[in-house]
C-alpha atoms as a PDB file:
ATOM      1  CA  MET A   1     151.650 -88.157  86.975  1.00  0.00           C
ATOM      2  CA  ILE A   2     152.038 -85.168  89.290  1.00  0.00           C
ATOM      3  CA  ASP A   3     148.817 -84.686  91.249  1.00  0.00           C
ATOM      4  CA  MET A   4     148.295 -80.992  92.001  1.00  0.00           C
ATOM      5  CA  HIS A   5     144.944 -81.525  93.754  1.00  0.00           C
ATOM      6  CA  ALA A   6     145.393 -84.154  96.465  1.00  0.00           C
ATOM      7  CA  HIS A   7     143.561 -83.706  99.744  1.00  0.00           C
ATOM      8  CA  TRP A   8     144.863 -84.686 103.187  1.00  0.00           C
ATOM      9  CA  ARG A   9     143.747 -84.735 106.788  1.00  0.00           C
ATOM     10  CA  PRO A  10     146.662 -84.843 109.240  1.00  0.00           C
ATOM     11  CA  ALA A  11     146.316 -87.398 112.018  1.00  0.00           C
ATOM     12  CA  GLU A  12     147.483 -84.707 114.456  1.00  0.00           C
ATOM     13  CA  LEU A  13     144.430 -82.618 113.550  1.00  0.00           C
ATOM     14  CA  ILE A  14     142.147 -85.574 114.223  1.00  0.00           C
ATOM     15  CA  ASP A  15     143.659 -85.963 117.688  1.00  0.00           C
ATOM     16  CA  ALA A  16     143.105 -82.252 118.371  1.00  0.00           C
ATOM     17  CA  LEU A  17     139.472 -82.449 117.212  1.00  0.00           C
ATOM     18  CA  ARG A  18     138.841 -85.435 119.478  1.00  0.00           C
ATOM     19  CA  ALA A  19     139.749 -83.216 122.429  1.00  0.00           C
ATOM     20  CA  ARG A  20     137.275 -80.460 121.500  1.00  0.00           C
ATOM     21  CA  THR A  21     133.856 -80.041 123.110  1.00  0.00           C
ATOM     22  CA  ARG A  22     132.372 -77.828 120.361  1.00  0.00           C
ATOM     23  CA  GLU A  23     132.099 -78.211 116.593  1.00  0.00           C
ATOM     24  CA  PRO A  24     134.194 -78.907 114.698  1.00  0.00           C
ATOM     25  CA  ARG A  25     134.959 -81.955 116.811  1.00  0.00           C
ATOM     26  CA  ILE A  26     135.115 -85.731 116.597  1.00  0.00           C
ATOM     27  CA  VAL A  27     132.674 -87.893 118.525  1.00  0.00           C
ATOM     28  CA  ARG A  28     131.261 -91.397 118.377  1.00  0.00           C
ATOM     29  CA  ASN A  29     127.723 -91.604 117.033  1.00  0.00           C
ATOM     30  CA  GLN A  30     125.005 -93.875 118.371  1.00  0.00           C
ATOM     31  CA  ASP A  31     126.456 -96.765 116.381  1.00  0.00           C
ATOM     32  CA  GLY A  32     129.853 -96.301 117.982  1.00  0.00           C
ATOM     33  CA  VAL A  33     131.409 -94.950 114.778  1.00  0.00           C
ATOM     34  CA  GLU A  34     133.745 -91.944 114.974  1.00  0.00           C
ATOM     35  CA  VAL A  35     132.393 -88.999 112.990  1.00  0.00           C
ATOM     36  CA  LEU A  36     133.492 -85.439 112.370  1.00  0.00           C
ATOM     37  CA  LYS A  37     130.728 -83.087 113.510  1.00  0.00           C
ATOM     38  CA  THR A  38     130.548 -79.649 111.904  1.00  0.00           C
ATOM     39  CA  ARG A  39     127.785 -77.099 111.655  1.00  0.00           C
ATOM     40  CA  ILE A  40     126.515 -78.789 108.485  1.00  0.00           C
ATOM     41  CA  GLY A  41     126.298 -82.324 109.857  1.00  0.00           C
ATOM     42  CA  GLU A  42     128.372 -85.441 110.430  1.00  0.00           C
ATOM     43  CA  GLU A  43     130.819 -87.361 108.263  1.00  0.00           C
ATOM     44  CA  PRO A  44     132.445 -90.682 109.178  1.00  0.00           C
ATOM     45  CA  LEU A  45     136.213 -90.738 109.447  1.00  0.00           C
ATOM     46  CA  SER A  46     138.349 -92.693 107.026  1.00  0.00           C
ATOM     47  CA  LYS A  47     142.008 -93.637 107.227  1.00  0.00           C
ATOM     48  CA  ALA A  48     142.412 -92.988 103.512  1.00  0.00           C
ATOM     49  CA  PHE A  49     143.510 -89.403 104.066  1.00  0.00           C
ATOM     50  CA  ASP A  50     145.679 -89.564 107.170  1.00  0.00           C
ATOM     51  CA  ASP A  51     147.857 -92.664 106.808  1.00  0.00           C
ATOM     52  CA  VAL A  52     151.049 -91.866 104.903  1.00  0.00           C
ATOM     53  CA  GLU A  53     151.974 -95.445 104.050  1.00  0.00           C
ATOM     54  CA  THR A  54     148.501 -96.135 102.644  1.00  0.00           C
ATOM     55  CA  TYR A  55     148.680 -92.944 100.613  1.00  0.00           C
ATOM     56  CA  LEU A  56     152.169 -93.684  99.272  1.00  0.00           C
ATOM     57  CA  ALA A  57     151.205 -97.245  98.374  1.00  0.00           C
ATOM     58  CA  ARG A  58     148.279 -95.940  96.361  1.00  0.00           C
ATOM     59  CA  MET A  59     150.520 -93.382  94.632  1.00  0.00           C
ATOM     60  CA  ASP A  60     153.045 -96.087  93.729  1.00  0.00           C
ATOM     61  CA  ARG A  61     150.346 -98.436  92.476  1.00  0.00           C
ATOM     62  CA  LEU A  62     148.815 -95.744  90.267  1.00  0.00           C
ATOM     63  CA  GLY A  63     151.998 -94.120  88.984  1.00  0.00           C
ATOM     64  CA  VAL A  64     151.727 -90.810  90.854  1.00  0.00           C
ATOM     65  CA  SER A  65     155.222 -89.461  91.420  1.00  0.00           C
ATOM     66  CA  THR A  66     154.324 -86.401  93.527  1.00  0.00           C
ATOM     67  CA  SER A  67     151.177 -85.258  95.318  1.00  0.00           C
ATOM     68  CA  VAL A  68     150.553 -81.644  96.308  1.00  0.00           C
ATOM     69  CA  LEU A  69     148.560 -81.956  99.524  1.00  0.00           C
ATOM     70  CA  SER A  70     145.824 -79.602 100.723  1.00  0.00           C
ATOM     71  CA  LEU A  71     143.440 -79.829 103.638  1.00  0.00           C
ATOM     72  CA  LEU A  72     140.501 -82.177 103.080  1.00  0.00           C
ATOM     73  CA  GLY A  73     137.260 -80.249 102.605  1.00  0.00           C
ATOM     74  CA  MET A  74     135.498 -81.787 105.598  1.00  0.00           C
ATOM     75  CA  CYS A  75     138.240 -80.289 107.804  1.00  0.00           C
ATOM     76  CA  CYS A  76     138.360 -76.802 106.283  1.00  0.00           C
ATOM     77  CA  TRP A  77     135.898 -75.524 108.869  1.00  0.00           C
ATOM     78  CA  ILE A  78     138.835 -75.053 111.225  1.00  0.00           C
ATOM     79  CA  GLU A  79     139.808 -72.039 109.094  1.00  0.00           C
ATOM     80  CA  SER A  80     136.561 -70.213 109.918  1.00  0.00           C
ATOM     81  CA  GLN A  81     136.778 -70.623 113.678  1.00  0.00           C
ATOM     82  CA  PRO A  82     137.597 -67.720 116.027  1.00  0.00           C
ATOM     83  CA  LEU A  83     141.287 -66.886 115.966  1.00  0.00           C
ATOM     84  CA  GLU A  84     142.029 -68.435 119.340  1.00  0.00           C
ATOM     85  CA  THR A  85     140.886 -71.756 117.856  1.00  0.00           C
ATOM     86  CA  ALA A  86     141.809 -71.375 114.186  1.00  0.00           C
ATOM     87  CA  VAL A  87     145.412 -70.189 114.582  1.00  0.00           C
ATOM     88  CA  PRO A  88     146.709 -73.142 116.614  1.00  0.00           C
ATOM     89  CA  LEU A  89     144.751 -75.668 114.519  1.00  0.00           C
ATOM     90  CA  CYS A  90     146.030 -74.212 111.237  1.00  0.00           C
ATOM     91  CA  ARG A  91     149.577 -74.151 112.589  1.00  0.00           C
ATOM     92  CA  LEU A  92     149.173 -77.778 113.638  1.00  0.00           C
ATOM     93  CA  VAL A  93     148.022 -78.695 110.121  1.00  0.00           C
ATOM     94  CA  ASN A  94     150.834 -76.787 108.411  1.00  0.00           C
ATOM     95  CA  ASP A  95     153.551 -78.147 110.679  1.00  0.00           C
ATOM     96  CA  SER A  96     152.178 -81.675 110.162  1.00  0.00           C
ATOM     97  CA  LEU A  97     152.140 -81.265 106.385  1.00  0.00           C
ATOM     98  CA  SER A  98     155.700 -79.955 106.414  1.00  0.00           C
ATOM     99  CA  LYS A  99     156.823 -82.946 108.458  1.00  0.00           C
ATOM    100  CA  ILE A 100     155.339 -85.341 105.898  1.00  0.00           C
ATOM    101  CA  CYS A 101     157.063 -83.463 103.085  1.00  0.00           C
ATOM    102  CA  GLN A 102     160.417 -83.670 104.874  1.00  0.00           C
ATOM    103  CA  GLU A 103     160.071 -87.355 105.688  1.00  0.00           C
ATOM    104  CA  HIS A 104     159.138 -88.201 102.091  1.00  0.00           C
ATOM    105  CA  GLU A 105     161.081 -85.618 100.116  1.00  0.00           C
ATOM    106  CA  GLY A 106     160.093 -85.491  96.479  1.00  0.00           C
ATOM    107  CA  ARG A 107     156.840 -87.374  96.991  1.00  0.00           C
ATOM    108  CA  PHE A 108     154.880 -84.590  98.673  1.00  0.00           C
ATOM    109  CA  THR A 109     154.612 -80.832  98.754  1.00  0.00           C
ATOM    110  CA  ALA A 110     151.716 -79.026 100.435  1.00  0.00           C
ATOM    111  CA  HIS A 111     149.431 -76.004 100.669  1.00  0.00           C
ATOM    112  CA  ALA A 112     148.932 -74.208 103.960  1.00  0.00           C
ATOM    113  CA  ALA A 113     145.642 -73.897 105.830  1.00  0.00           C
ATOM    114  CA  LEU A 114     144.924 -70.359 107.048  1.00  0.00           C
ATOM    115  CA  PRO A 115     142.819 -68.713 109.823  1.00  0.00           C
ATOM    116  CA  LEU A 116     140.462 -66.825 107.515  1.00  0.00           C
ATOM    117  CA  MET A 117     138.441 -64.964 110.161  1.00  0.00           C
ATOM    118  CA  ASP A 118     141.195 -62.340 110.078  1.00  0.00           C
ATOM    119  CA  ILE A 119     143.083 -61.822 106.802  1.00  0.00           C
ATOM    120  CA  SER A 120     145.996 -60.164 108.604  1.00  0.00           C
ATOM    121  CA  ALA A 121     146.380 -63.234 110.809  1.00  0.00           C
ATOM    122  CA  ALA A 122     145.998 -65.438 107.724  1.00  0.00           C
ATOM    123  CA  ALA A 123     148.755 -63.496 105.942  1.00  0.00           C
ATOM    124  CA  ALA A 124     151.048 -63.869 108.956  1.00  0.00           C
ATOM    125  CA  GLU A 125     150.459 -67.622 109.067  1.00  0.00           C
ATOM    126  CA  LEU A 126     151.011 -67.932 105.314  1.00  0.00           C
ATOM    127  CA  ASP A 127     154.301 -66.065 105.666  1.00  0.00           C
ATOM    128  CA  ARG A 128     155.342 -68.404 108.477  1.00  0.00           C
ATOM    129  CA  ALA A 129     154.184 -71.554 106.692  1.00  0.00           C
ATOM    130  CA  LEU A 130     156.016 -70.699 103.460  1.00  0.00           C
ATOM    131  CA  GLY A 131     159.229 -70.796 105.456  1.00  0.00           C
ATOM    132  CA  LEU A 132     158.577 -74.439 106.350  1.00  0.00           C
ATOM    133  CA  PRO A 133     160.090 -77.229 104.231  1.00  0.00           C
ATOM    134  CA  GLY A 134     157.645 -78.533 101.657  1.00  0.00           C
ATOM    135  CA  ILE A 135     154.991 -75.804 101.964  1.00  0.00           C
ATOM    136  CA  VAL A 136     154.608 -74.253  98.505  1.00  0.00           C
ATOM    137  CA  GLY A 137     151.444 -72.168  98.787  1.00  0.00           C
ATOM    138  CA  ALA A 138     147.969 -71.973 100.274  1.00  0.00           C
ATOM    139  CA  GLN A 139     144.537 -73.338  99.501  1.00  0.00           C
ATOM    140  CA  LEU A 140     141.969 -70.517  99.449  1.00  0.00           C
ATOM    141  CA  PRO A 141     138.169 -70.723  99.166  1.00  0.00           C
ATOM    142  CA  GLY A 142     136.621 -69.847  95.829  1.00  0.00           C
ATOM    143  CA  ASN A 143     134.101 -67.535  97.502  1.00  0.00           C
ATOM    144  CA  GLY A 144     136.976 -65.153  98.150  1.00  0.00           C
ATOM    145  CA  PHE A 145     137.176 -64.450  94.414  1.00  0.00           C
ATOM    146  CA  LEU A 146     133.571 -64.479  93.207  1.00  0.00           C
ATOM    147  CA  THR A 147     133.810 -60.779  92.332  1.00  0.00           C
ATOM    148  CA  ARG A 148     136.533 -58.144  92.185  1.00  0.00           C
ATOM    149  CA  LYS A 149     135.096 -56.658  95.389  1.00  0.00           C
ATOM    150  CA  ASP A 150     135.429 -60.016  97.158  1.00  0.00           C
ATOM    151  CA  ALA A 151     138.968 -60.461  95.893  1.00  0.00           C
ATOM    152  CA  GLU A 152     140.100 -57.075  97.214  1.00  0.00           C
ATOM    153  CA  LYS A 153     139.912 -58.499 100.735  1.00  0.00           C
ATOM    154  CA  MET A 154     142.368 -61.244  99.768  1.00  0.00           C
ATOM    155  CA  ARG A 155     145.168 -58.910  98.658  1.00  0.00           C
ATOM    156  CA  PRO A 156     147.310 -59.376 101.806  1.00  0.00           C
ATOM    157  CA  LEU A 157     147.506 -63.099 101.016  1.00  0.00           C
ATOM    158  CA  LEU A 158     148.433 -62.461  97.384  1.00  0.00           C
ATOM    159  CA  GLU A 159     151.145 -60.050  98.520  1.00  0.00           C
ATOM    160  CA  VAL A 160     152.747 -62.703 100.729  1.00  0.00           C
ATOM    161  CA  ALA A 161     152.456 -65.342  98.024  1.00  0.00           C
ATOM    162  CA  ASN A 162     153.974 -63.005  95.449  1.00  0.00           C
ATOM    163  CA  ARG A 163     156.949 -62.272  97.686  1.00  0.00           C
ATOM    164  CA  HIS A 164     157.577 -65.996  98.096  1.00  0.00           C
ATOM    165  CA  SER A 165     156.834 -66.835  94.410  1.00  0.00           C
ATOM    166  CA  ALA A 166     154.296 -69.275  95.825  1.00  0.00           C
ATOM    167  CA  PHE A 167     151.145 -71.055  94.681  1.00  0.00           C
ATOM    168  CA  ILE A 168     147.585 -70.043  95.404  1.00  0.00           C
ATOM    169  CA  PHE A 169     145.242 -73.000  94.912  1.00  0.00           C
ATOM    170  CA  ILE A 170     141.648 -71.762  94.640  1.00  0.00           C
ATOM    171  CA  HIS A 171     139.203 -74.462  95.681  1.00  0.00           C
ATOM    172  CA  HIS A 172     135.426 -74.219  95.854  1.00  0.00           C
ATOM    173  CA  GLY A 173     134.410 -73.290  99.377  1.00  0.00           C
ATOM    174  CA  PRO A 174     133.000 -70.605 101.677  1.00  0.00           C
ATOM    175  CA  LEU A 175     134.509 -67.694 103.515  1.00  0.00           C
ATOM    176  CA  PRO A 176     133.719 -67.461 107.226  1.00  0.00           C
ATOM    177  CA  GLY A 177     130.067 -66.549 107.658  1.00  0.00           C
ATOM    178  CA  ASP A 178     128.943 -67.595 104.170  1.00  0.00           C
ATOM    179  CA  ALA A 179     125.820 -69.729 103.842  1.00  0.00           C
ATOM    180  CA  PHE A 180     127.216 -73.057 102.689  1.00  0.00           C
ATOM    181  CA  PRO A 181     126.216 -75.289 101.074  1.00  0.00           C
ATOM    182  CA  LYS A 182     123.705 -73.167  99.209  1.00  0.00           C
ATOM    183  CA  VAL A 183     121.166 -75.947  98.661  1.00  0.00           C
ATOM    184  CA  ALA A 184     119.558 -77.604 101.681  1.00  0.00           C
ATOM    185  CA  GLY A 185     119.888 -81.343 102.047  1.00  0.00           C
ATOM    186  CA  ASP A 186     116.134 -81.913 101.701  1.00  0.00           C
ATOM    187  CA  THR A 187     116.097 -80.350  98.201  1.00  0.00           C
ATOM    188  CA  ASP A 188     115.804 -82.707  95.248  1.00  0.00           C
ATOM    189  CA  ASN A 189     119.207 -83.632  93.810  1.00  0.00           C
ATOM    190  CA  ALA A 190     120.931 -81.631  96.548  1.00  0.00           C
ATOM    191  CA  ARG A 191     124.261 -83.383  96.048  1.00  0.00           C
ATOM    192  CA  ARG A 192     124.268 -82.661  92.319  1.00  0.00           C
ATOM    193  CA  ARG A 193     123.124 -79.086  92.830  1.00  0.00           C
ATOM    194  CA  ASN A 194     125.808 -78.367  95.422  1.00  0.00           C
ATOM    195  CA  GLY A 195     128.608 -80.614  94.180  1.00  0.00           C
ATOM    196  CA  THR A 196     128.337 -79.753  90.495  1.00  0.00           C
ATOM    197  CA  LEU A 197     125.954 -76.922  89.577  1.00  0.00           C
ATOM    198  CA  ASP A 198     126.888 -74.469  92.336  1.00  0.00           C
ATOM    199  CA  MET A 199     130.522 -75.528  92.439  1.00  0.00           C
ATOM    200  CA  GLN A 200     131.091 -75.049  88.728  1.00  0.00           C
ATOM    201  CA  ALA A 201     129.184 -71.757  88.605  1.00  0.00           C
ATOM    202  CA  SER A 202     131.199 -70.421  91.537  1.00  0.00           C
ATOM    203  CA  LEU A 203     134.498 -71.437  89.939  1.00  0.00           C
ATOM    204  CA  SER A 204     133.432 -69.751  86.696  1.00  0.00           C
ATOM    205  CA  SER A 205     132.826 -66.533  88.630  1.00  0.00           C
ATOM    206  CA  ALA A 206     136.257 -66.770  90.233  1.00  0.00           C
ATOM    207  CA  MET A 207     137.850 -67.207  86.809  1.00  0.00           C
ATOM    208  CA  VAL A 208     136.063 -64.129  85.507  1.00  0.00           C
ATOM    209  CA  THR A 209     137.494 -62.129  88.405  1.00  0.00           C
ATOM    210  CA  LEU A 210     140.999 -63.495  87.914  1.00  0.00           C
ATOM    211  CA  CYS A 211     141.154 -63.373  84.117  1.00  0.00           C
ATOM    212  CA  LEU A 212     138.798 -60.592  82.994  1.00  0.00           C
ATOM    213  CA  THR A 213     139.940 -57.908  85.467  1.00  0.00           C
ATOM    214  CA  ASP A 214     143.378 -56.518  86.291  1.00  0.00           C
ATOM    215  CA  PHE A 215     143.214 -57.828  89.867  1.00  0.00           C
ATOM    216  CA  LEU A 216     146.299 -60.049  89.433  1.00  0.00           C
ATOM    217  CA  ALA A 217     148.475 -57.391  87.764  1.00  0.00           C
ATOM    218  CA  PRO A 218     150.438 -56.522  90.958  1.00  0.00           C
ATOM    219  CA  TYR A 219     151.334 -60.185  91.571  1.00  0.00           C
ATOM    220  CA  PRO A 220     153.468 -61.422  88.657  1.00  0.00           C
ATOM    221  CA  ASP A 221     155.274 -64.026  90.745  1.00  0.00           C
ATOM    222  CA  VAL A 222     152.206 -65.810  92.145  1.00  0.00           C
ATOM    223  CA  MET A 223     151.203 -69.052  90.434  1.00  0.00           C
ATOM    224  CA  ILE A 224     147.433 -69.415  90.677  1.00  0.00           C
ATOM    225  CA  TYR A 225     145.443 -72.466  89.728  1.00  0.00           C
ATOM    226  CA  VAL A 226     141.748 -73.255  89.967  1.00  0.00           C
ATOM    227  CA  HIS A 227     140.327 -76.758  90.065  1.00  0.00           C
ATOM    228  CA  ASN A 228     137.743 -78.455  87.813  1.00  0.00           C
ATOM    229  CA  LEU A 229     138.868 -76.652  84.633  1.00  0.00           C
ATOM    230  CA  GLY A 230     138.028 -73.284  86.178  1.00  0.00           C
ATOM    231  CA  GLY A 231     134.307 -74.042  86.277  1.00  0.00           C
ATOM    232  CA  ASN A 232     132.301 -74.065  83.044  1.00  0.00           C
ATOM    233  CA  ILE A 233     134.392 -71.413  81.284  1.00  0.00           C
ATOM    234  CA  PRO A 234     135.513 -73.696  78.394  1.00  0.00           C
ATOM    235  CA  TYR A 235     131.835 -74.065  77.459  1.00  0.00           C
ATOM    236  CA  GLU A 236     130.613 -70.621  78.468  1.00  0.00           C
ATOM    237  CA  VAL A 237     133.285 -68.611  76.684  1.00  0.00           C
ATOM    238  CA  GLU A 238     131.616 -68.794  73.257  1.00  0.00           C
ATOM    239  CA  ARG A 239     128.502 -67.247  74.770  1.00  0.00           C
ATOM    240  CA  MET A 240     130.683 -64.563  76.384  1.00  0.00           C
ATOM    241  CA  ASP A 241     132.333 -63.817  73.046  1.00  0.00           C
ATOM    242  CA  HIS A 242     128.923 -63.572  71.369  1.00  0.00           C
ATOM    243  CA  ARG A 243     127.637 -61.093  73.956  1.00  0.00           C
ATOM    244  CA  CYS A 244     130.875 -59.131  73.779  1.00  0.00           C
ATOM    245  CA  LEU A 245     130.542 -58.712  70.013  1.00  0.00           C
ATOM    246  CA  LEU A 246     126.949 -57.541  70.466  1.00  0.00           C
ATOM    247  CA  ASP A 247     127.279 -55.380  73.576  1.00  0.00           C
ATOM    248  CA  THR A 248     130.873 -54.124  73.715  1.00  0.00           C
ATOM    249  CA  PRO A 249     132.394 -54.739  70.262  1.00  0.00           C
ATOM    250  CA  LYS A 250     135.442 -52.567  70.954  1.00  0.00           C
ATOM    251  CA  GLU A 251     136.551 -54.752  73.880  1.00  0.00           C
ATOM    252  CA  GLU A 252     138.990 -57.620  73.535  1.00  0.00           C
ATOM    253  CA  LEU A 253     137.118 -60.921  73.320  1.00  0.00           C
ATOM    254  CA  PRO A 254     136.851 -62.820  76.619  1.00  0.00           C
ATOM    255  CA  SER A 255     138.292 -65.930  74.949  1.00  0.00           C
ATOM    256  CA  ALA A 256     141.487 -64.036  74.149  1.00  0.00           C
ATOM    257  CA  ARG A 257     141.763 -62.736  77.690  1.00  0.00           C
ATOM    258  CA  PHE A 258     141.252 -66.178  79.230  1.00  0.00           C
ATOM    259  CA  ARG A 259     143.850 -67.610  76.858  1.00  0.00           C
ATOM    260  CA  ARG A 260     146.593 -65.155  77.796  1.00  0.00           C
ATOM    261  CA  ALA A 261     145.824 -64.968  81.518  1.00  0.00           C
ATOM    262  CA  LYS A 262     148.396 -66.448  83.877  1.00  0.00           C
ATOM    263  CA  VAL A 263     145.859 -68.627  85.707  1.00  0.00           C
ATOM    264  CA  TYR A 264     146.223 -72.403  85.511  1.00  0.00           C
ATOM    265  CA  VAL A 265     143.440 -74.961  85.923  1.00  0.00           C
ATOM    266  CA  ASP A 266     143.418 -78.615  86.879  1.00  0.00           C
ATOM    267  CA  CYS A 267     141.328 -81.238  85.096  1.00  0.00           C
ATOM    268  CA  ASN A 268     139.997 -82.942  88.206  1.00  0.00           C
ATOM    269  CA  SER A 269     136.710 -84.809  87.742  1.00  0.00           C
ATOM    270  CA  PHE A 270     136.284 -84.077  84.028  1.00  0.00           C
ATOM    271  CA  GLY A 271     136.194 -86.403  81.044  1.00  0.00           C
ATOM    272  CA  PRO A 272     137.852 -86.337  77.630  1.00  0.00           C
ATOM    273  CA  ARG A 273     135.436 -83.943  75.872  1.00  0.00           C
ATOM    274  CA  ALA A 274     135.745 -81.341  78.634  1.00  0.00           C
ATOM    275  CA  ILE A 275     139.546 -81.665  78.623  1.00  0.00           C
ATOM    276  CA  GLU A 276     139.534 -81.111  74.862  1.00  0.00           C
ATOM    277  CA  ALA A 277     137.476 -77.935  75.357  1.00  0.00           C
ATOM    278  CA  GLY A 278     139.877 -76.810  78.099  1.00  0.00           C
ATOM    279  CA  VAL A 279     142.903 -77.328  75.847  1.00  0.00           C
ATOM    280  CA  HIS A 280     141.160 -75.435  73.042  1.00  0.00           C
ATOM    281  CA  LEU A 281     140.513 -72.443  75.291  1.00  0.00           C
ATOM    282  CA  TYR A 282     143.453 -72.252  77.691  1.00  0.00           C
ATOM    283  CA  GLY A 283     146.099 -74.233  75.831  1.00  0.00           C
ATOM    284  CA  ALA A 284     147.561 -77.497  77.119  1.00  0.00           C
ATOM    285  CA  GLU A 285     150.354 -75.563  78.807  1.00  0.00           C
ATOM    286  CA  ARG A 286     147.870 -74.163  81.340  1.00  0.00           C
ATOM    287  CA  ILE A 287     146.306 -77.447  82.510  1.00  0.00           C
ATOM    288  CA  VAL A 288     147.577 -79.762  85.251  1.00  0.00           C
ATOM    289  CA  CYS A 289     146.332 -82.999  86.788  1.00  0.00           C
ATOM    290  CA  GLY A 290     144.072 -83.124  89.803  1.00  0.00           C
ATOM    291  CA  THR A 291     142.481 -86.201  91.356  1.00  0.00           C
ATOM    292  CA  ASP A 292     141.227 -85.244  94.861  1.00  0.00           C
ATOM    293  CA  GLY A 293     143.858 -87.716  96.067  1.00  0.00           C
ATOM    294  CA  THR A 294     141.701 -90.798  95.518  1.00  0.00           C
ATOM    295  CA  GLU A 295     142.247 -93.990  93.564  1.00  0.00           C
ATOM    296  CA  PHE A 296     139.020 -93.375  91.664  1.00  0.00           C
ATOM    297  CA  GLY A 297     140.168 -89.858  90.834  1.00  0.00           C
ATOM    298  CA  VAL A 298     143.513 -91.044  89.460  1.00  0.00           C
ATOM    299  CA  ASP A 299     141.911 -93.768  87.345  1.00  0.00           C
ATOM    300  CA  TRP A 300     139.248 -91.372  86.052  1.00  0.00           C
ATOM    301  CA  THR A 301     141.756 -88.648  85.181  1.00  0.00           C
ATOM    302  CA  ARG A 302     144.236 -90.969  83.471  1.00  0.00           C
ATOM    303  CA  LYS A 303     141.461 -92.490  81.358  1.00  0.00           C
ATOM    304  CA  ALA A 304     140.056 -89.062  80.452  1.00  0.00           C
ATOM    305  CA  ILE A 305     143.468 -87.714  79.374  1.00  0.00           C
ATOM    306  CA  ALA A 306     144.212 -90.901  77.401  1.00  0.00           C
ATOM    307  CA  GLU A 307     140.905 -90.660  75.512  1.00  0.00           C
ATOM    308  CA  ALA A 308     141.014 -86.912  74.889  1.00  0.00           C
ATOM    309  CA  GLN A 309     141.927 -86.019  71.308  1.00  0.00           C
ATOM    310  CA  ILE A 310     144.687 -83.582  72.221  1.00  0.00           C
ATOM    311  CA  GLY A 311     147.909 -85.243  71.014  1.00  0.00           C
ATOM    312  CA  GLU A 312     150.791 -86.833  72.884  1.00  0.00           C
ATOM    313  CA  VAL A 313     152.653 -83.602  73.579  1.00  0.00           C
ATOM    314  CA  ALA A 314     149.620 -82.081  75.292  1.00  0.00           C
ATOM    315  CA  ARG A 315     149.037 -85.309  77.210  1.00  0.00           C
ATOM    316  CA  GLU A 316     152.552 -85.243  78.640  1.00  0.00           C
ATOM    317  CA  GLN A 317     152.236 -81.573  79.521  1.00  0.00           C
ATOM    318  CA  ILE A 318     149.058 -82.182  81.501  1.00  0.00           C
ATOM    319  CA  LEU A 319     150.209 -85.385  83.176  1.00  0.00           C
ATOM    320  CA  ASN A 320     153.606 -84.145  84.255  1.00  0.00           C
ATOM    321  CA  GLY A 321     155.385 -81.385  82.357  1.00  0.00           C
ATOM    322  CA  ASN A 322     153.420 -78.321  83.419  1.00  0.00           C
ATOM    323  CA  ALA A 323     153.351 -79.229  87.107  1.00  0.00           C
ATOM    324  CA  ALA A 324     157.049 -80.164  87.078  1.00  0.00           C
ATOM    325  CA  ALA A 325     157.910 -76.747  85.663  1.00  0.00           C
ATOM    326  CA  MET A 326     155.728 -74.979  88.226  1.00  0.00           C
ATOM    327  CA  LEU A 327     157.259 -76.893  91.146  1.00  0.00           C
ATOM    328  CA  SER A 328     160.754 -76.287  89.780  1.00  0.00           C
ATOM    329  CA  ARG A 329     160.066 -72.558  89.740  1.00  0.00           C
ATOM    330  CA  ILE A 330     159.055 -72.738  93.425  1.00  0.00           C
ATOM    331  CA  ALA A 331     162.241 -74.635  94.281  1.00  0.00           C
ATOM    332  CA  LYS A 332     164.405 -72.048  92.526  1.00  0.00           C
ATOM    333  CA  ALA A 333     162.691 -69.183  94.327  1.00  0.00           C
ATOM    334  CA  ALA A 334     163.064 -70.702  97.809  1.00  0.00           C
ATOM    335  CA  PRO A 335     166.808 -70.054  98.262  1.00  0.00           C
ATOM    336  CA  ARG A 336     166.313 -66.381  97.372  1.00  0.00           C
ATOM    337  CA  GLU A 337     163.596 -66.054 100.002  1.00  0.00           C
ATOM    338  CA  LYS A 338     165.747 -67.694 102.690  1.00  0.00           C
ATOM    339  CA  ALA A 339     168.684 -65.477 101.824  1.00  0.00           C
ATOM    340  CA  ALA A 340     166.481 -62.367 102.079  1.00  0.00           C
ATOM    341  CA  ALA A 341     165.221 -63.505 105.471  1.00  0.00           C
END
């Protein structure tokens, strides 16, 4: 298995957050436990995402050949800090990720973290980071693509990624200043509302922007993928087709446009029936594995792919073949970029 959705929290970032006096920072709570404090609360630290040997041992045990690392969600708040804070922290993360990739060549590649308060600064850091060994793209928040208008602001990042033939990994999350999470913690079923209902709806909106507009037309060399099957699109597309036939019968059906779009999705967190629906809509050649980088995620994903009625060829494509081809394309493009520089 190649895991295209594997989160990480560099130990060097943890050390930097321990030295801070304002959120995001790391402190000990009243029980003496180290926690990461952000503007939305506290989360206890875990060594699961910052110890390389532990991570590699889990990969070996579960049959994961390569993990594509991206910043763990609880740490992504560094990207929304003022530039004087965000730039050095993002550089620290990206340099740390590159070091891991170099020390364990072939086992890891990584996505850059970017200072999103200023897209020009983010583009400059992406350009720098893509020159580092092992960095293959950037993780960007889904809120940056909810509508075509939102996505327009992200063009400088797409331009850099296109020049490098790099990845853009779109992951559910806020832009600086967004209200997030949308549902308050004292609401009934807040975790399910935020972690599933809002997440999936937001990813669906991003997919509509990416696949049902011409926003991506100027960027033929960017490889974009969206997690969690691109939201609920595999289930919503029949409704979209129905409305299209009623409201705009001369337009191409949304299902056809999703199918021929160049956007990939991962199958993180979904079961066999959802994967079958994803294969039916996108085609198996557009789906890759994602696990969040956890043992539970790997077990869940392997079981879901094994039980899905999609055939052995599709299974191999999703487990390994598609991601291997995507990473190979990045590797072939890298020498050209270095020569141009």
